[in-house]
């Protein structure tokens, strides 16, 4: 029996669905870590330290870490939407972060 192109496309679709089902809980777990209390505490601590530092490589790198902490949950939301994981939300750390368009700073 010869495998047709349609058979291969169907197999590819099934494998893609299995990969999405495998990825979804892992992505959700990663997002939970990055938006959890420990991540918020880390961000607050690093922000306080960064704000006391003079301009330096250390201040820049701490800023980079804060950017990652604030941006990656949004990327993970996009991934969850891609794999069928539900609603997209905004990480609490993104609110008022410089460079996050359309997100107002808290009053």
Protein backbone atom coordinates (compact mmCIF):
# COMPACT_ATOMS: atom_id res chain seq x y z
CA UNK A 1 0.00 0.00 0.00
CA UNK A 2 1.36 3.39 -1.00
CA UNK A 3 1.12 6.33 1.36
CA UNK A 4 -0.57 9.28 -0.29
CA UNK A 5 0.11 12.95 0.25
CA UNK A 6 -3.23 13.23 2.01
CA UNK A 7 -2.22 10.43 4.38
CA UNK A 8 1.04 12.20 5.19
CA UNK A 9 -0.72 15.52 5.78
CA UNK A 10 -3.19 13.80 8.12
CA UNK A 11 -0.30 12.16 10.00
CA UNK A 12 1.47 15.50 10.24
CA UNK A 13 -1.69 17.14 11.64
CA UNK A 14 -2.05 14.36 14.24
CA UNK A 15 1.57 14.70 15.33
CA UNK A 16 1.21 18.49 15.55
CA UNK A 17 -1.87 18.05 17.77
CA UNK A 18 0.02 15.64 20.02
CA UNK A 19 2.92 18.10 20.32
CA UNK A 20 0.54 20.92 21.26
CA UNK A 21 -1.09 18.72 23.89
CA UNK A 22 2.35 17.86 25.28
CA UNK A 23 3.52 21.49 25.31
CA UNK A 24 0.46 23.11 26.87
CA UNK A 25 0.92 22.03 30.51
CA UNK A 26 4.66 22.76 30.39
CA UNK A 27 4.07 26.25 29.04
CA UNK A 28 1.36 26.81 31.65
CA UNK A 29 3.74 25.69 34.40
CA UNK A 30 6.47 28.04 33.18
CA UNK A 31 4.03 30.94 33.05
CA UNK A 32 2.81 30.17 36.57
CA UNK A 33 6.39 30.36 37.85
CA UNK A 34 7.05 33.64 36.03
CA UNK A 35 3.85 35.28 37.30
CA UNK A 36 3.89 33.79 40.78
CA UNK A 37 4.65 35.45 44.07
CA UNK A 38 8.31 34.42 44.05
CA UNK A 39 8.84 36.03 40.64
CA UNK A 40 7.05 39.18 41.81
CA UNK A 41 9.26 39.31 44.91
CA UNK A 42 12.36 38.79 42.77
CA UNK A 43 11.31 41.58 40.41
CA UNK A 44 10.61 43.95 43.30
CA UNK A 45 13.95 43.17 44.95
CA UNK A 46 15.88 43.56 41.71
CA UNK A 47 14.07 46.81 40.90
CA UNK A 48 15.02 48.23 44.30
CA UNK A 49 18.65 47.23 43.79
CA UNK A 50 18.75 48.51 40.22
CA UNK A 51 17.30 51.86 41.26
CA UNK A 52 20.18 52.35 43.72
CA UNK A 53 22.96 51.47 41.28
CA UNK A 54 24.79 54.04 39.20
CA UNK A 55 24.79 53.48 35.45
CA UNK A 56 26.86 50.35 34.98
CA UNK A 57 26.88 46.93 33.38
CA UNK A 58 25.33 45.50 36.54
CA UNK A 59 22.43 47.95 36.32
CA UNK A 60 21.99 47.14 32.63
CA UNK A 61 21.99 43.39 33.23
CA UNK A 62 19.52 43.67 36.11
CA UNK A 63 17.32 45.73 33.79
CA UNK A 64 17.60 42.98 31.19
CA UNK A 65 16.47 40.39 33.73
CA UNK A 66 13.50 42.58 34.67
CA UNK A 67 12.59 42.93 31.01
CA UNK A 68 12.65 39.16 30.58
CA UNK A 69 10.55 38.66 33.71
CA UNK A 70 7.96 41.10 32.40
CA UNK A 71 7.91 40.05 28.73
CA UNK A 72 8.18 36.26 28.77
CA UNK A 73 4.72 35.67 30.34
CA UNK A 74 3.18 37.54 27.41
CA UNK A 75 5.13 35.40 24.96
CA UNK A 76 3.99 32.30 26.83
CA UNK A 77 0.39 33.53 26.58
CA UNK A 78 0.84 33.72 22.83
CA UNK A 79 2.22 30.19 22.84
CA UNK A 80 -0.72 28.99 24.95
CA UNK A 81 -3.10 30.57 22.46
CA UNK A 82 -1.21 28.84 19.65
CA UNK A 83 -1.43 25.43 21.29
CA UNK A 84 -5.06 25.96 22.28
CA UNK A 85 -4.37 26.76 25.90
CA UNK A 86 -7.00 29.36 26.60
CA UNK A 87 -7.15 33.02 27.26
CA UNK A 88 -4.39 35.54 26.91
CA UNK A 89 -3.69 37.64 29.98
CA UNK A 90 -1.28 40.35 31.04
CA UNK A 91 1.40 39.60 33.58
CA UNK A 92 1.10 41.87 36.63
CA UNK A 93 4.78 42.75 36.20
CA UNK A 94 4.05 44.22 32.74
CA UNK A 95 1.80 46.93 34.08
CA UNK A 96 3.63 50.21 33.84
CA UNK A 97 6.83 48.65 32.50
CA UNK A 98 8.68 50.90 30.07
CA UNK A 99 8.43 49.63 26.53
CA UNK A 100 5.17 47.79 27.05
CA UNK A 101 2.87 49.71 24.69
CA UNK A 102 -0.74 50.21 25.55
CA UNK A 103 -0.37 49.23 29.19
CA UNK A 104 -0.94 52.16 31.51
CA UNK A 105 1.05 52.60 34.68
CA UNK A 106 -0.94 52.12 37.89
CA UNK A 107 -2.18 55.29 39.61
